[in-house]
Structure formats: C-alpha cells, structure tokens
Protein backbone atom coordinates (compact mmCIF):
# COMPACT_ATOMS: atom_id res chain seq x y z
CA MET A 1 -50.68 -9.59 35.30
CA GLY A 2 -51.30 -6.27 34.02
CA SER A 3 -47.93 -4.98 36.11
CA ALA A 4 -46.06 -7.33 34.77
CA LYS A 5 -46.22 -6.31 31.49
CA LYS A 6 -46.18 -2.78 31.95
CA SER A 7 -42.88 -3.80 33.54
CA SER A 8 -42.16 -6.28 31.12
CA ALA A 9 -42.44 -3.50 28.11
CA ALA A 10 -40.92 -0.50 30.24
CA ARG A 11 -37.77 -3.29 30.72
CA THR A 12 -37.51 -3.21 26.79
CA ALA A 13 -38.44 -0.06 25.64
CA ARG A 14 -34.99 0.30 28.54
CA ILE A 15 -33.32 -2.17 26.50
CA GLU A 16 -33.43 -0.85 22.90
CA GLU A 17 -32.88 2.73 24.53
CA MET A 18 -29.33 1.41 25.49
CA ARG A 19 -28.93 -0.86 22.02
CA ARG A 20 -29.41 2.57 19.91
CA ALA A 21 -26.59 4.57 22.65
CA GLU A 22 -24.27 1.63 22.97
CA GLN A 23 -24.48 1.19 18.49
CA ALA A 24 -24.10 5.59 18.52
CA ARG A 25 -20.99 5.55 21.05
CA GLU A 26 -19.93 2.11 18.31
CA ARG A 27 -20.02 4.83 15.41
CA ARG A 28 -17.76 7.09 17.44
CA ASN A 29 -15.26 4.98 18.66
CA ARG A 30 -14.29 3.97 14.63
CA ILE A 31 -14.04 7.46 13.48
CA LEU A 32 -11.45 8.02 16.62
CA THR A 33 -9.79 4.99 16.10
CA VAL A 34 -9.01 6.36 12.23
CA ALA A 35 -8.48 9.61 13.17
CA ALA A 36 -5.89 8.03 15.87
CA SER A 37 -3.98 5.69 13.53
CA VAL A 38 -3.41 8.48 10.94
CA VAL A 39 -1.48 10.63 13.53
CA VAL A 40 0.58 7.33 14.65
CA VAL A 41 1.44 6.96 10.74
CA ALA A 42 2.10 10.42 10.89
CA GLY A 43 4.39 10.33 13.67
CA LEU A 44 6.39 7.12 12.70
CA VAL A 45 7.24 9.10 9.48
CA VAL A 46 8.34 12.44 11.05
CA GLY A 47 9.95 10.76 14.08
CA GLY A 48 11.50 7.65 12.05
CA VAL A 49 10.93 5.94 16.08
CA VAL A 50 8.54 2.83 16.62
CA LEU A 51 6.98 3.11 19.83
CA ILE A 52 5.72 -0.66 21.13
CA GLN A 53 4.00 -0.55 24.57
CA SER A 54 3.26 -3.26 25.53
CA GLN A 55 0.46 -3.60 28.50
CA SER A 56 -0.40 -7.14 29.95
CA ASP A 57 -3.82 -8.20 30.08
CA ASP A 58 -3.45 -7.99 34.25
CA GLY A 59 -2.87 -4.36 34.40
CA GLY A 60 1.09 -4.37 35.57
CA GLY A 61 1.09 -7.62 36.10
CA SER A 62 -0.61 -7.37 40.01
CA ALA A 63 -1.59 -10.79 41.64
CA ALA A 64 -4.90 -12.05 41.06
CA ASP A 65 -5.15 -12.07 45.23
CA ASP A 66 -6.95 -8.34 45.64
CA GLY A 67 -9.88 -10.32 44.41
CA GLY A 68 -9.95 -8.63 41.07
CA GLY A 69 -8.99 -4.92 42.17
CA SER A 70 -12.66 -5.47 44.62
CA ALA A 71 -12.54 -4.42 48.12
CA GLY A 72 -15.03 -4.07 50.62
CA LYS A 73 -18.32 -5.82 52.13
CA PHE A 74 -22.26 -6.14 51.46
CA VAL A 75 -24.77 -4.14 53.03
CA THR A 76 -28.03 -5.55 52.75
CA ASP A 77 -31.16 -3.25 51.97
CA ALA A 78 -34.31 -2.95 53.48
CA ASP A 79 -35.53 -4.81 49.82
CA GLY A 80 -33.65 -8.04 50.26
CA VAL A 81 -30.52 -6.79 48.05
CA ARG A 82 -27.31 -6.42 48.61
CA ALA A 83 -25.49 -4.06 47.54
CA TRP A 84 -21.59 -3.79 47.31
CA LYS A 85 -19.82 -0.91 49.16
CA GLY A 86 -16.03 -0.59 48.41
CA THR A 87 -14.55 -0.69 45.09
CA LEU A 88 -14.92 -2.92 41.79
CA GLY A 89 -12.28 -3.54 39.51
CA ARG A 90 -13.05 -3.21 35.67
CA GLU A 91 -9.62 -4.34 34.48
CA HIS A 92 -9.64 -7.23 31.53
CA VAL A 93 -7.62 -10.20 32.02
CA THR A 94 -6.80 -13.69 31.18
CA LYS A 95 -6.06 -15.11 34.36
CA SER A 96 -8.80 -16.39 37.26
CA VAL A 97 -10.03 -14.34 39.57
CA ASP A 98 -9.74 -15.34 43.12
CA TYR A 99 -13.07 -13.33 43.52
CA PRO A 100 -14.33 -11.87 47.25
CA VAL A 101 -17.93 -13.72 46.99
CA THR A 102 -19.71 -16.25 45.17
CA PRO A 103 -20.75 -15.49 42.58
CA PRO A 104 -18.70 -12.49 42.43
CA VAL A 105 -20.70 -9.20 41.27
CA GLY A 106 -18.34 -7.68 39.41
CA GLY A 107 -14.51 -6.76 39.30
CA ASP A 108 -11.30 -7.66 36.24
CA HIS A 109 -12.93 -9.95 34.26
CA HIS A 110 -12.09 -11.75 31.06
CA PRO A 111 -12.02 -9.08 27.91
CA VAL A 112 -14.84 -11.87 26.41
CA TRP A 113 -18.36 -12.32 27.85
CA MET A 114 -20.62 -14.81 28.22
CA ASN A 115 -23.59 -14.35 25.80
CA CYS A 116 -25.68 -12.91 28.02
CA ASP A 117 -29.25 -12.68 25.79
CA GLY A 118 -31.57 -15.32 27.26
CA ASP A 119 -28.72 -17.78 27.76
CA VAL A 120 -29.37 -21.00 30.05
CA TYR A 121 -25.86 -23.09 30.15
CA GLU A 122 -26.46 -26.64 31.96
CA ASP A 123 -22.47 -26.62 33.13
CA GLU A 124 -20.61 -24.08 34.97
CA ILE A 125 -19.01 -21.01 33.13
CA ASN A 126 -16.08 -19.75 33.53
CA SER A 127 -16.72 -16.51 36.69
CA THR A 128 -14.45 -14.18 34.35
CA ASN A 129 -16.26 -14.37 31.54
CA ALA A 130 -19.59 -14.15 33.74
CA VAL A 131 -18.61 -10.89 35.07
CA HIS A 132 -17.85 -8.70 32.29
CA SER A 133 -21.74 -9.77 31.84
CA LEU A 134 -22.22 -8.12 34.05
CA GLU A 135 -20.86 -5.24 33.33
CA HIS A 136 -23.21 -5.18 30.18
CA GLY A 137 -26.46 -5.18 32.81
CA ALA A 138 -26.81 -8.97 32.69
CA VAL A 139 -28.56 -10.30 35.53
CA TRP A 140 -26.85 -14.00 36.77
CA VAL A 141 -29.09 -16.56 37.70
CA THR A 142 -27.87 -19.25 39.44
CA TYR A 143 -27.97 -22.36 41.85
CA ASN A 144 -26.36 -25.06 42.93
CA GLY A 145 -26.73 -28.92 43.58
CA ASP A 146 -30.10 -27.87 46.21
CA ALA A 147 -32.17 -26.18 43.87
CA PRO A 148 -35.16 -27.99 43.45
CA LYS A 149 -35.32 -29.27 39.94
CA ALA A 150 -38.84 -28.16 39.57
CA ASP A 151 -37.47 -24.14 40.29
CA VAL A 152 -34.19 -24.61 37.70
CA GLU A 153 -36.31 -25.34 35.09
CA ALA A 154 -39.19 -22.84 35.38
CA LEU A 155 -36.24 -20.39 36.20
CA ALA A 156 -35.23 -21.05 33.23
CA ALA A 157 -37.67 -21.13 30.96
CA LYS A 158 -37.94 -16.70 32.38
CA VAL A 159 -33.92 -15.82 31.78
CA LYS A 160 -35.27 -17.69 28.23
CA LYS A 161 -37.79 -15.16 27.40
CA THR A 162 -35.46 -12.10 29.12
CA PRO A 163 -32.82 -10.24 27.04
CA TYR A 164 -30.01 -9.09 29.17
CA THR A 165 -29.88 -12.54 31.54
CA LEU A 166 -28.17 -15.61 31.63
CA MET A 167 -28.04 -18.54 33.98
CA SER A 168 -25.63 -21.49 35.07
CA PRO A 169 -25.00 -23.88 37.52
CA VAL A 170 -22.01 -22.31 40.91
CA ASP A 171 -21.48 -25.65 43.32
CA GLY A 172 -19.32 -23.60 45.68
CA GLN A 173 -22.41 -21.08 45.98
CA LYS A 174 -23.73 -21.04 49.85
CA ASP A 175 -27.67 -20.92 48.67
CA PRO A 176 -29.16 -22.90 46.17
CA ILE A 177 -30.90 -19.89 44.10
CA VAL A 178 -28.65 -16.61 43.52
CA LEU A 179 -29.85 -13.72 41.45
CA THR A 180 -26.90 -11.22 41.09
CA ALA A 181 -25.93 -7.95 38.84
CA TRP A 182 -23.13 -5.72 38.77
CA GLY A 183 -22.37 -4.24 42.45
CA HIS A 184 -25.79 -6.58 43.35
CA GLN A 185 -27.31 -10.40 44.79
CA ARG A 186 -29.71 -11.94 46.69
CA THR A 187 -31.21 -14.47 47.40
CA VAL A 188 -35.04 -15.89 46.08
CA THR A 189 -36.38 -19.09 47.80
CA GLY A 190 -37.72 -20.20 44.56
CA ALA A 191 -38.94 -19.90 40.80
CA ALA A 192 -42.16 -18.08 42.81
CA ASP A 193 -40.46 -15.69 44.52
CA PRO A 194 -42.32 -12.54 43.74
CA ALA A 195 -38.50 -11.12 44.28
CA VAL A 196 -37.74 -12.36 40.89
CA ASP A 197 -39.22 -10.54 38.49
CA VAL A 198 -38.52 -7.13 41.18
CA PHE A 199 -34.91 -7.84 41.03
CA LEU A 200 -34.93 -8.41 36.55
CA ALA A 201 -37.34 -5.51 36.16
CA LYS A 202 -34.53 -3.58 38.36
CA PHE A 203 -31.09 -4.94 37.88
CA VAL A 204 -31.48 -5.55 33.88
CA GLN A 205 -29.91 -2.87 32.32
CA GLY A 206 -30.54 -0.48 35.27
CA ARG A 207 -28.52 2.08 36.89
CA GLN A 208 -25.87 0.07 38.26
CA THR A 209 -24.94 -0.87 34.85
CA PRO A 210 -21.33 0.29 33.93
CA GLU A 211 -21.45 -0.50 30.51
CA PRO A 212 -25.61 0.64 29.30
CA GLY A 213 -26.27 -1.14 26.06
CA ALA A 214 -23.84 -3.27 25.18
CA ALA A 215 -23.83 -6.16 24.02
CA CYS A 216 -24.99 -9.93 24.81
CA THR A 217 -24.41 -11.45 21.96
CA ASN A 218 -21.19 -12.66 19.99
CA GLY A 219 -19.15 -13.68 22.90
CA LEU A 220 -18.93 -16.95 24.11
CA SER A 221 -21.70 -19.31 24.67
CA LYS A 222 -19.56 -22.16 26.80
C-alpha cells in the first residue's frame, strides 16, 4: 500500500512537471507565431507576391496502406511488455489508418486527440484519435466482449482516478484486456493483475512519450 501511494505521488508530480513544461512551450510557440506572422506580412508588402503552400493532411497524398507511417514488429521484454521495434509515423491525417496492430501503439493520427484525463468510453472510439492521446503520454485500456464485467468495472474505476488514461472497448483485439502506451503494449489477466499498476506507473507520461505534458483535455469526448 505504501509503495502504491509513493508511486501515485511520484506519477502526479511527474505529470505536473510535464504540464508546466508544456505551458512554457506553448508560450514560446505563441511568441514565435507572432514573430513569424510579422515576417510573412513584411514579405508580402515588399515582394507583392502571395505564396500559398497547400499541404494535405496525409503528408502528400500517400495512401494509408503503409500502416500510418509505421513499420516494424513487436519484441517482448522480460516483464511481458511488447515493445515496438521500428518506426511509428506521427503525421496528422483526417482519413482512416490501417494500423499494423490492434489496438495500435502509434502511427499517423487525427489532429484532435481523445480526451484522456481518466476518461472512460462505453462505445468504441476512433483509433486515430486515441493514437494522438498516446502521443501525449496517455495509457489506453481496452477490452473485448470476452472481458469479465467485474474486471471492466474495476478497471474503469481505476482509470477514472488516473490522469493521462482512457478506456474503451475494442472488439477487434485478440485478448480480453490490453494496456497500450506509445510504442508499448501488454495483455493482463484482469483488473487485479499487478501488471496493471506497474504498466501505469511506468508509461503514464513515461519516457516513451513523444509529447510529454501535452493536453489530455479539450479534445474529443466521443
């Protein structure tokens, strides 16, 4: 119990630190945006030419048959966690993505994330939005129709108390209950499996996070 409390406190402190860093980064970005706007306007006045560079959301119109910019395979670590060895795309797209694994552990994704501040979804959600949440350092708890109701309810209660997590059903996944972070995934036997807390402690805003401290609110709620 004492160890669990220390782990939770450490995770909370890490999340707060990441949030402060993200807020500082947002302030810098606003300054850079204003500066860039001034340069653009000056260029238009001097040159008298308007240059519009059109970029599609799919990064050049490539099809989604490359698995969302992802290529590689899982390698199972000694702790039972499957780590993705290879590449994971990070482009913003508005089309569907044919991810190489279900649930996906990363790849190209929708520009808007699913809310992941302890959010529990009763229906399936769009994987491309959930992958964006993973990019922000969230852990995605998923289950299929074989998962016992008691385990689903217990996991939902845990998720609701844990920032940077979300939960939803995924009927297409092989195992009853799966935990997913960016580039990492593992199966657990149920809500009481000690691996659940271990996974959350390691991967909620963990070192694998591409965008630590990025928001898990103000996204999609369904």
